[in-house]
Amino acid sequence: MKIHHLNTGTMCPLGRRLVNGSGGLFQRARLVCHCLLVETNDGLALVDTGIGLGDIAAPERLGRRWLRQTAPRLDPAETAVEQVRALGYSPKDVRHLLLTHLDRDHAGGVPDFPHAAIHVHRAEYDMAVLRKPAPPQGRYVTGQWSHGSRWQFYGEAGEDWFGFKGVRALGDTEADILMIPLAGHTLGHCGIAVRSGETWLLHAGDSYFHHAQLDASPRVPLMLGYFQRRGDMDRSMRIANQARLRALKLSHGDRVRIVNSHDPADYERCRCGGH
């Protein structure tokens, strides 16, 4: 199964040393929106969609505070839909959007693929779309899925996957793509596991923000850790799931490669080494 690694939104907040862990205090940091474009037996599937063309056309919908804090580039060429075209595909070839969660920097490209089904955890849909329970004020940008989306829902039950519960994201048509519940950052947050050959790639979304958080002695740059804590809906659950990911890496690192959404080091390693 071929996997393309896409950066669908570069963010450049101040304080590189405090965000990336190196560089100057007053330099711009670099964060990415790491998405996967997967060639499946049922067309193309996108794991997360990053920032979309609608966000770039009307950036105010992303929120002034978020724009000020993250300083996104808002480059149309970085959007998933333009990168799909650059690879020689049509947006209609993207049949499935597998979303780790519905935060603005993960679901912004949803309207650019109006023919695709959107796969999310039921708890994420209930909070973000139905507002049951009501989400924190300003957490979601509902305009990113107001075009009449086709939803596919997932729960907690599923088959065992290295000690996690994994649900076949595309059913029996594609047994090698699993949705893995990893609540904490949001109540319906998930990882997406894709098998490629003899190994798996787990896109863990925002379960962790920095690659060193999965080391035996975990650490995270100061400001990045602050961003993570502020984004947590259930901090204890996020910490518990992060510990499970750390144990997975230490015990099965030869069979499972784990990446997150925003760490440029994770993204560059995937681009250079492939999967």
C-alpha atoms as a PDB file:
ATOM      1  CA  MET A   1       0.000   0.000   0.000  1.00  0.00           C
ATOM      2  CA  LYS A   2       1.562   3.296  -1.057  1.00  0.00           C
ATOM      3  CA  ILE A   3       1.579   6.165   1.438  1.00  0.00           C
ATOM      4  CA  HIS A   4       2.330   9.793   0.523  1.00  0.00           C
ATOM      5  CA  HIS A   5       3.331  12.156   3.352  1.00  0.00           C
ATOM      6  CA  LEU A   6       1.904  15.673   2.972  1.00  0.00           C
ATOM      7  CA  ASN A   7       2.409  18.868   4.945  1.00  0.00           C
ATOM      8  CA  THR A   8      -0.950  20.575   4.587  1.00  0.00           C
ATOM      9  CA  GLY A   9      -0.234  23.677   6.627  1.00  0.00           C
ATOM     10  CA  THR A  10       2.963  25.244   7.979  1.00  0.00           C
ATOM     11  CA  MET A  11       2.690  27.214  11.229  1.00  0.00           C
ATOM     12  CA  CYS A  12       5.408  29.605  12.403  1.00  0.00           C
ATOM     13  CA  PRO A  13       4.864  30.751  15.999  1.00  0.00           C
ATOM     14  CA  LEU A  14       7.512  32.789  17.793  1.00  0.00           C
ATOM     15  CA  GLY A  15       9.968  31.083  20.115  1.00  0.00           C
ATOM     16  CA  ARG A  16      11.721  28.397  18.130  1.00  0.00           C
ATOM     17  CA  ARG A  17      13.726  27.069  21.073  1.00  0.00           C
ATOM     18  CA  LEU A  18      10.590  26.771  23.196  1.00  0.00           C
ATOM     19  CA  VAL A  19       8.566  25.090  20.422  1.00  0.00           C
ATOM     20  CA  ASN A  20      11.030  23.025  18.372  1.00  0.00           C
ATOM     21  CA  GLY A  21      13.628  22.537  21.091  1.00  0.00           C
ATOM     22  CA  SER A  22      16.483  24.286  19.257  1.00  0.00           C
ATOM     23  CA  GLY A  23      17.284  27.682  17.774  1.00  0.00           C
ATOM     24  CA  GLY A  24      16.753  31.164  19.173  1.00  0.00           C
ATOM     25  CA  LEU A  25      14.072  32.412  21.526  1.00  0.00           C
ATOM     26  CA  PHE A  26      12.972  35.089  19.047  1.00  0.00           C
ATOM     27  CA  GLN A  27      13.200  33.001  15.893  1.00  0.00           C
ATOM     28  CA  ARG A  28      10.094  31.663  14.215  1.00  0.00           C
ATOM     29  CA  ALA A  29       9.419  28.008  14.979  1.00  0.00           C
ATOM     30  CA  ARG A  30       8.128  25.525  12.408  1.00  0.00           C
ATOM     31  CA  LEU A  31       5.188  23.208  12.909  1.00  0.00           C
ATOM     32  CA  VAL A  32       3.472  21.177  10.188  1.00  0.00           C
ATOM     33  CA  CYS A  33       0.102  19.567   9.528  1.00  0.00           C
ATOM     34  CA  HIS A  34       1.295  16.058   8.703  1.00  0.00           C
ATOM     35  CA  CYS A  35      -1.313  14.199   6.664  1.00  0.00           C
ATOM     36  CA  LEU A  36      -1.200  10.870   4.840  1.00  0.00           C
ATOM     37  CA  LEU A  37      -2.512  10.208   1.344  1.00  0.00           C
ATOM     38  CA  VAL A  38      -3.048   6.452   1.053  1.00  0.00           C
ATOM     39  CA  GLU A  39      -3.683   4.497  -2.123  1.00  0.00           C
ATOM     40  CA  THR A  40      -6.314   1.903  -1.142  1.00  0.00           C
ATOM     41  CA  ASN A  41      -8.417  -0.725  -2.887  1.00  0.00           C
ATOM     42  CA  ASP A  42     -11.306   1.760  -2.776  1.00  0.00           C
ATOM     43  CA  GLY A  43      -9.641   4.883  -4.145  1.00  0.00           C
ATOM     44  CA  LEU A  44      -7.546   7.394  -2.234  1.00  0.00           C
ATOM     45  CA  ALA A  45      -7.876   8.001   1.490  1.00  0.00           C
ATOM     46  CA  LEU A  46      -6.640  11.062   3.362  1.00  0.00           C
ATOM     47  CA  VAL A  47      -5.643  10.813   6.998  1.00  0.00           C
ATOM     48  CA  ASP A  48      -6.508  14.324   8.228  1.00  0.00           C
ATOM     49  CA  THR A  49      -6.889  17.237   5.800  1.00  0.00           C
ATOM     50  CA  GLY A  50      -5.008  20.162   7.359  1.00  0.00           C
ATOM     51  CA  ILE A  51      -5.863  23.724   6.377  1.00  0.00           C
ATOM     52  CA  GLY A  52      -8.200  24.043   3.397  1.00  0.00           C
ATOM     53  CA  LEU A  53      -8.815  26.487   0.589  1.00  0.00           C
ATOM     54  CA  GLY A  54     -11.857  27.880   2.416  1.00  0.00           C
ATOM     55  CA  ASP A  55      -9.696  28.697   5.427  1.00  0.00           C
ATOM     56  CA  ILE A  56      -7.225  30.547   3.228  1.00  0.00           C
ATOM     57  CA  ALA A  57      -9.990  32.473   1.443  1.00  0.00           C
ATOM     58  CA  ALA A  58     -11.553  33.506   4.766  1.00  0.00           C
ATOM     59  CA  PRO A  59      -8.854  33.131   7.446  1.00  0.00           C
ATOM     60  CA  GLU A  60     -10.934  35.006  10.004  1.00  0.00           C
ATOM     61  CA  ARG A  61     -13.050  31.889  10.465  1.00  0.00           C
ATOM     62  CA  LEU A  62     -10.016  30.194  12.002  1.00  0.00           C
ATOM     63  CA  GLY A  63     -10.141  32.721  14.833  1.00  0.00           C
ATOM     64  CA  ARG A  64      -7.950  35.743  15.504  1.00  0.00           C
ATOM     65  CA  ARG A  65      -6.385  34.243  18.592  1.00  0.00           C
ATOM     66  CA  TRP A  66      -5.458  30.997  16.821  1.00  0.00           C
ATOM     67  CA  LEU A  67      -4.020  32.919  13.864  1.00  0.00           C
ATOM     68  CA  ARG A  68      -1.976  35.138  16.178  1.00  0.00           C
ATOM     69  CA  GLN A  69      -0.601  32.249  18.211  1.00  0.00           C
ATOM     70  CA  THR A  70       0.203  29.854  15.351  1.00  0.00           C
ATOM     71  CA  ALA A  71       1.062  32.298  12.515  1.00  0.00           C
ATOM     72  CA  PRO A  72       0.097  29.902   9.687  1.00  0.00           C
ATOM     73  CA  ARG A  73       1.499  30.490   6.207  1.00  0.00           C
ATOM     74  CA  LEU A  74      -1.891  29.994   4.499  1.00  0.00           C
ATOM     75  CA  ASP A  75      -0.299  28.904   1.235  1.00  0.00           C
ATOM     76  CA  PRO A  76      -2.822  27.399  -1.239  1.00  0.00           C
ATOM     77  CA  ALA A  77      -0.096  25.142  -2.652  1.00  0.00           C
ATOM     78  CA  GLU A  78       0.160  23.409   0.734  1.00  0.00           C
ATOM     79  CA  THR A  79      -3.505  22.417   0.851  1.00  0.00           C
ATOM     80  CA  ALA A  80      -4.292  18.736   0.490  1.00  0.00           C
ATOM     81  CA  VAL A  81      -6.437  19.281  -2.585  1.00  0.00           C
ATOM     82  CA  GLU A  82      -3.675  21.104  -4.474  1.00  0.00           C
ATOM     83  CA  GLN A  83      -1.119  18.461  -3.488  1.00  0.00           C
ATOM     84  CA  VAL A  84      -3.490  15.730  -4.675  1.00  0.00           C
ATOM     85  CA  ARG A  85      -3.698  17.506  -8.030  1.00  0.00           C
ATOM     86  CA  ALA A  86       0.086  17.926  -8.138  1.00  0.00           C
ATOM     87  CA  LEU A  87       0.439  14.151  -7.750  1.00  0.00           C
ATOM     88  CA  GLY A  88      -1.699  13.702 -10.867  1.00  0.00           C
ATOM     89  CA  TYR A  89      -4.978  12.782  -9.179  1.00  0.00           C
ATOM     90  CA  SER A  90      -8.404  14.403  -9.196  1.00  0.00           C
ATOM     91  CA  PRO A  91     -10.022  15.499  -5.915  1.00  0.00           C
ATOM     92  CA  LYS A  92     -12.821  13.058  -6.816  1.00  0.00           C
ATOM     93  CA  ASP A  93     -10.288  10.230  -6.500  1.00  0.00           C
ATOM     94  CA  VAL A  94     -10.235  10.881  -2.736  1.00  0.00           C
ATOM     95  CA  ARG A  95     -13.031   8.633  -1.490  1.00  0.00           C
ATOM     96  CA  HIS A  96     -12.373   8.677   2.247  1.00  0.00           C
ATOM     97  CA  LEU A  97     -11.294  11.247   4.848  1.00  0.00           C
ATOM     98  CA  LEU A  98     -10.043   9.548   8.015  1.00  0.00           C
ATOM     99  CA  LEU A  99      -9.892  12.235  10.683  1.00  0.00           C
ATOM    100  CA  THR A 100      -8.003  11.899  13.947  1.00  0.00           C
ATOM    101  CA  HIS A 101     -10.339  14.611  15.261  1.00  0.00           C
ATOM    102  CA  LEU A 102     -12.187  17.714  14.080  1.00  0.00           C
ATOM    103  CA  ASP A 103      -9.959  20.584  15.267  1.00  0.00           C
ATOM    104  CA  ARG A 104      -9.562  23.376  12.695  1.00  0.00           C
ATOM    105  CA  ASP A 105      -6.044  22.415  11.593  1.00  0.00           C
ATOM    106  CA  HIS A 106      -7.132  18.817  10.934  1.00  0.00           C
ATOM    107  CA  ALA A 107     -10.534  19.249   9.284  1.00  0.00           C
ATOM    108  CA  GLY A 108     -10.011  22.448   7.269  1.00  0.00           C
ATOM    109  CA  GLY A 109      -9.639  20.610   3.971  1.00  0.00           C
ATOM    110  CA  VAL A 110     -12.881  18.617   4.347  1.00  0.00           C
ATOM    111  CA  PRO A 111     -14.936  20.908   2.032  1.00  0.00           C
ATOM    112  CA  ASP A 112     -12.307  20.509  -0.721  1.00  0.00           C
ATOM    113  CA  PHE A 113     -13.385  16.855  -1.074  1.00  0.00           C
ATOM    114  CA  PRO A 114     -17.209  17.051  -1.110  1.00  0.00           C
ATOM    115  CA  HIS A 115     -17.606  13.556  -2.572  1.00  0.00           C
ATOM    116  CA  ALA A 116     -15.618  11.810   0.163  1.00  0.00           C
ATOM    117  CA  ALA A 117     -17.005  10.058   3.226  1.00  0.00           C
ATOM    118  CA  ILE A 118     -15.776  11.410   6.568  1.00  0.00           C
ATOM    119  CA  HIS A 119     -14.698   8.782   9.098  1.00  0.00           C
ATOM    120  CA  VAL A 120     -14.643   9.908  12.753  1.00  0.00           C
ATOM    121  CA  HIS A 121     -15.171   8.553  16.236  1.00  0.00           C
ATOM    122  CA  ARG A 122     -18.795   8.926  17.301  1.00  0.00           C
ATOM    123  CA  ALA A 123     -17.838  10.893  20.421  1.00  0.00           C
ATOM    124  CA  GLU A 124     -16.018  13.439  18.243  1.00  0.00           C
ATOM    125  CA  TYR A 125     -19.057  13.925  16.019  1.00  0.00           C
ATOM    126  CA  ASP A 126     -21.395  14.196  18.997  1.00  0.00           C
ATOM    127  CA  MET A 127     -19.386  17.035  20.542  1.00  0.00           C
ATOM    128  CA  ALA A 128     -18.225  18.914  17.438  1.00  0.00           C
ATOM    129  CA  VAL A 129     -21.366  18.626  15.307  1.00  0.00           C
ATOM    130  CA  LEU A 130     -24.281  17.818  17.633  1.00  0.00           C
ATOM    131  CA  ARG A 131     -22.725  19.746  20.568  1.00  0.00           C
ATOM    132  CA  LYS A 132     -23.631  16.920  22.965  1.00  0.00           C
ATOM    133  CA  PRO A 133     -21.905  17.716  25.261  1.00  0.00           C
ATOM    134  CA  ALA A 134     -21.160  21.295  24.265  1.00  0.00           C
ATOM    135  CA  PRO A 135     -17.500  21.792  23.302  1.00  0.00           C
ATOM    136  CA  PRO A 136     -15.257  24.513  24.761  1.00  0.00           C
ATOM    137  CA  GLN A 137     -16.149  27.869  23.214  1.00  0.00           C
ATOM    138  CA  GLY A 138     -14.425  28.398  19.866  1.00  0.00           C
ATOM    139  CA  ARG A 139     -12.926  24.898  19.777  1.00  0.00           C
ATOM    140  CA  TYR A 140     -14.372  23.827  16.418  1.00  0.00           C
ATOM    141  CA  VAL A 141     -14.990  25.634  13.102  1.00  0.00           C
ATOM    142  CA  THR A 142     -18.344  24.229  12.043  1.00  0.00           C
ATOM    143  CA  GLY A 143     -18.102  25.814   8.587  1.00  0.00           C
ATOM    144  CA  GLN A 144     -15.498  23.196   7.724  1.00  0.00           C
ATOM    145  CA  TRP A 145     -18.169  20.488   7.441  1.00  0.00           C
ATOM    146  CA  SER A 146     -21.379  22.434   6.754  1.00  0.00           C
ATOM    147  CA  HIS A 147     -21.602  21.341   3.097  1.00  0.00           C
ATOM    148  CA  GLY A 148     -23.707  18.241   3.796  1.00  0.00           C
ATOM    149  CA  SER A 149     -21.032  15.733   4.688  1.00  0.00           C
ATOM    150  CA  ARG A 150     -21.379  11.931   4.600  1.00  0.00           C
ATOM    151  CA  TRP A 151     -20.288  10.594   7.971  1.00  0.00           C
ATOM    152  CA  GLN A 152     -19.062   7.167   9.029  1.00  0.00           C
ATOM    153  CA  PHE A 153     -18.876   6.582  12.779  1.00  0.00           C
ATOM    154  CA  TYR A 154     -16.663   4.433  14.997  1.00  0.00           C
ATOM    155  CA  GLY A 155     -16.754   3.409  18.646  1.00  0.00           C
ATOM    156  CA  GLU A 156     -14.524   1.690  21.177  1.00  0.00           C
ATOM    157  CA  ALA A 157     -15.107  -1.958  20.236  1.00  0.00           C
ATOM    158  CA  GLY A 158     -12.761  -3.674  17.825  1.00  0.00           C
ATOM    159  CA  GLU A 159     -10.051  -6.235  17.255  1.00  0.00           C
ATOM    160  CA  ASP A 160      -6.777  -6.318  19.172  1.00  0.00           C
ATOM    161  CA  TRP A 161      -3.901  -4.347  17.634  1.00  0.00           C
ATOM    162  CA  PHE A 162      -0.711  -4.480  19.720  1.00  0.00           C
ATOM    163  CA  GLY A 163      -2.831  -4.123  22.859  1.00  0.00           C
ATOM    164  CA  PHE A 164      -5.052  -1.374  21.433  1.00  0.00           C
ATOM    165  CA  LYS A 165      -8.594  -1.750  20.130  1.00  0.00           C
ATOM    166  CA  GLY A 166      -8.575  -1.207  16.377  1.00  0.00           C
ATOM    167  CA  VAL A 167     -11.657  -0.832  14.193  1.00  0.00           C
ATOM    168  CA  ARG A 168     -11.412  -1.493  10.462  1.00  0.00           C
ATOM    169  CA  ALA A 169     -11.835   1.993   9.066  1.00  0.00           C
ATOM    170  CA  LEU A 170     -12.945   0.923   5.588  1.00  0.00           C
ATOM    171  CA  GLY A 171     -14.598  -2.331   6.630  1.00  0.00           C
ATOM    172  CA  ASP A 172     -13.741  -5.503   4.778  1.00  0.00           C
ATOM    173  CA  THR A 173     -12.708  -3.602   1.644  1.00  0.00           C
ATOM    174  CA  GLU A 174      -9.429  -2.601   3.306  1.00  0.00           C
ATOM    175  CA  ALA A 175      -8.314  -4.638   6.311  1.00  0.00           C
ATOM    176  CA  ASP A 176      -5.017  -2.776   6.582  1.00  0.00           C
ATOM    177  CA  ILE A 177      -6.393   0.578   7.767  1.00  0.00           C
ATOM    178  CA  LEU A 178      -7.533   0.766  11.379  1.00  0.00           C
ATOM    179  CA  MET A 179      -8.997   3.534  13.517  1.00  0.00           C
ATOM    180  CA  ILE A 180      -7.494   3.389  17.028  1.00  0.00           C
ATOM    181  CA  PRO A 181      -9.315   5.287  19.836  1.00  0.00           C
ATOM    182  CA  LEU A 182      -6.804   7.564  21.618  1.00  0.00           C
ATOM    183  CA  ALA A 183      -8.952   9.954  23.616  1.00  0.00           C
ATOM    184  CA  GLY A 184      -7.562  12.851  25.600  1.00  0.00           C
ATOM    185  CA  HIS A 185      -6.738  15.722  23.263  1.00  0.00           C
ATOM    186  CA  THR A 186     -10.429  15.540  22.381  1.00  0.00           C
ATOM    187  CA  LEU A 187     -13.016  13.076  23.648  1.00  0.00           C
ATOM    188  CA  GLY A 188     -13.215  11.326  20.284  1.00  0.00           C
ATOM    189  CA  HIS A 189      -9.568  11.611  19.272  1.00  0.00           C
ATOM    190  CA  CYS A 190      -8.207   8.629  17.315  1.00  0.00           C
ATOM    191  CA  GLY A 191      -5.058   7.394  15.648  1.00  0.00           C
ATOM    192  CA  ILE A 192      -5.076   5.861  12.176  1.00  0.00           C
ATOM    193  CA  ALA A 193      -2.923   2.760  11.601  1.00  0.00           C
ATOM    194  CA  VAL A 194      -1.957   1.799   8.037  1.00  0.00           C
ATOM    195  CA  ARG A 195      -0.127  -1.396   7.134  1.00  0.00           C
ATOM    196  CA  SER A 196       2.527  -1.123   4.458  1.00  0.00           C
ATOM    197  CA  GLY A 197       4.271  -4.393   3.703  1.00  0.00           C
ATOM    198  CA  GLU A 198       5.459  -6.033   6.917  1.00  0.00           C
ATOM    199  CA  THR A 199       5.191  -2.906   9.064  1.00  0.00           C
ATOM    200  CA  TRP A 200       2.565  -0.485  10.319  1.00  0.00           C
ATOM    201  CA  LEU A 201       2.494   3.301  10.337  1.00  0.00           C
ATOM    202  CA  LEU A 202       0.418   4.800  13.146  1.00  0.00           C
ATOM    203  CA  HIS A 203      -0.614   8.409  12.644  1.00  0.00           C
ATOM    204  CA  ALA A 204      -1.273   9.324  16.270  1.00  0.00           C
ATOM    205  CA  GLY A 205      -2.689  12.792  15.573  1.00  0.00           C
ATOM    206  CA  ASP A 206      -2.301  15.085  18.582  1.00  0.00           C
ATOM    207  CA  SER A 207      -1.739  12.275  21.113  1.00  0.00           C
ATOM    208  CA  TYR A 208       1.728  13.746  21.491  1.00  0.00           C
ATOM    209  CA  PHE A 209       3.331  16.887  20.057  1.00  0.00           C
ATOM    210  CA  HIS A 210       7.078  16.188  20.090  1.00  0.00           C
ATOM    211  CA  HIS A 211       9.000  13.040  19.145  1.00  0.00           C
ATOM    212  CA  ALA A 212      10.926  13.024  22.440  1.00  0.00           C
ATOM    213  CA  GLN A 213       7.674  12.450  24.332  1.00  0.00           C
ATOM    214  CA  LEU A 214       7.849   8.810  23.214  1.00  0.00           C
ATOM    215  CA  ASP A 215      11.424   8.324  24.464  1.00  0.00           C
ATOM    216  CA  ALA A 216      12.152   6.213  27.547  1.00  0.00           C
ATOM    217  CA  SER A 217      12.820   9.496  29.389  1.00  0.00           C
ATOM    218  CA  PRO A 218      10.138  11.726  27.811  1.00  0.00           C
ATOM    219  CA  ARG A 219      10.553  15.468  27.403  1.00  0.00           C
ATOM    220  CA  VAL A 220       8.858  18.265  25.493  1.00  0.00           C
ATOM    221  CA  PRO A 221       9.882  21.896  24.764  1.00  0.00           C
ATOM    222  CA  LEU A 222       8.310  24.319  27.238  1.00  0.00           C
ATOM    223  CA  MET A 223       5.930  26.228  24.968  1.00  0.00           C
ATOM    224  CA  LEU A 224       4.909  23.134  23.018  1.00  0.00           C
ATOM    225  CA  GLY A 225       4.006  21.428  26.283  1.00  0.00           C
ATOM    226  CA  TYR A 226       1.935  24.477  27.195  1.00  0.00           C
ATOM    227  CA  PHE A 227       0.068  24.308  23.869  1.00  0.00           C
ATOM    228  CA  GLN A 228      -0.586  20.627  24.470  1.00  0.00           C
ATOM    229  CA  ARG A 229      -1.961  21.114  27.987  1.00  0.00           C
ATOM    230  CA  ARG A 230      -4.208  23.941  26.828  1.00  0.00           C
ATOM    231  CA  GLY A 231      -5.642  21.750  24.089  1.00  0.00           C
ATOM    232  CA  ASP A 232      -6.396  18.772  26.321  1.00  0.00           C
ATOM    233  CA  MET A 233     -10.045  17.972  26.963  1.00  0.00           C
ATOM    234  CA  ASP A 234      -9.092  15.082  29.257  1.00  0.00           C
ATOM    235  CA  ARG A 235      -5.472  15.467  30.332  1.00  0.00           C
ATOM    236  CA  SER A 236      -5.282  12.286  32.393  1.00  0.00           C
ATOM    237  CA  MET A 237      -6.583  10.241  29.462  1.00  0.00           C
ATOM    238  CA  ARG A 238      -4.134  11.889  27.060  1.00  0.00           C
ATOM    239  CA  ILE A 239      -1.226  11.161  29.408  1.00  0.00           C
ATOM    240  CA  ALA A 240      -2.359   7.533  29.802  1.00  0.00           C
ATOM    241  CA  ASN A 241      -2.657   7.012  26.051  1.00  0.00           C
ATOM    242  CA  GLN A 242       0.689   8.728  25.486  1.00  0.00           C
ATOM    243  CA  ALA A 243       2.242   6.247  27.916  1.00  0.00           C
ATOM    244  CA  ARG A 244       0.673   3.386  25.955  1.00  0.00           C
ATOM    245  CA  LEU A 245       2.163   4.767  22.738  1.00  0.00           C
ATOM    246  CA  ARG A 246       5.560   5.041  24.416  1.00  0.00           C
ATOM    247  CA  ALA A 247       5.340   1.408  25.500  1.00  0.00           C
ATOM    248  CA  LEU A 248       4.293   0.402  21.974  1.00  0.00           C
ATOM    249  CA  LYS A 249       7.313   2.168  20.479  1.00  0.00           C
ATOM    250  CA  LEU A 250       9.717   0.615  22.980  1.00  0.00           C
ATOM    251  CA  SER A 251       8.350  -2.911  22.578  1.00  0.00           C
ATOM    252  CA  HIS A 252       7.372  -3.019  18.894  1.00  0.00           C
ATOM    253  CA  GLY A 253       9.360  -0.203  17.287  1.00  0.00           C
ATOM    254  CA  ASP A 254      10.612  -2.609  14.647  1.00  0.00           C
ATOM    255  CA  ARG A 255       7.063  -3.322  13.479  1.00  0.00           C
ATOM    256  CA  VAL A 256       5.233  -0.058  14.176  1.00  0.00           C
ATOM    257  CA  ARG A 257       6.349   3.459  13.283  1.00  0.00           C
ATOM    258  CA  ILE A 258       4.498   6.211  15.162  1.00  0.00           C
ATOM    259  CA  VAL A 259       4.171   9.803  13.950  1.00  0.00           C
ATOM    260  CA  ASN A 260       2.178  12.781  15.143  1.00  0.00           C
ATOM    261  CA  SER A 261       0.503  15.671  13.366  1.00  0.00           C
ATOM    262  CA  HIS A 262       2.714  18.678  14.005  1.00  0.00           C
ATOM    263  CA  ASP A 263       6.319  17.656  14.697  1.00  0.00           C
ATOM    264  CA  PRO A 264       8.463  18.608  11.668  1.00  0.00           C
ATOM    265  CA  ALA A 265      11.080  16.039  12.727  1.00  0.00           C
ATOM    266  CA  ASP A 266       8.536  13.205  12.435  1.00  0.00           C
ATOM    267  CA  TYR A 267       7.406  14.546   9.078  1.00  0.00           C
ATOM    268  CA  GLU A 268      10.893  14.966   7.605  1.00  0.00           C
ATOM    269  CA  ARG A 269      11.961  11.487   8.729  1.00  0.00           C
ATOM    270  CA  CYS A 270       8.960  10.027   6.916  1.00  0.00           C
ATOM    271  CA  ARG A 271       9.630  12.029   3.757  1.00  0.00           C
ATOM    272  CA  CYS A 272      13.299  11.089   3.669  1.00  0.00           C
ATOM    273  CA  GLY A 273      12.959   7.483   4.774  1.00  0.00           C
ATOM    274  CA  GLY A 274       9.573   6.686   3.308  1.00  0.00           C
ATOM    275  CA  HIS A 275       7.447   3.970   4.766  1.00  0.00           C
END
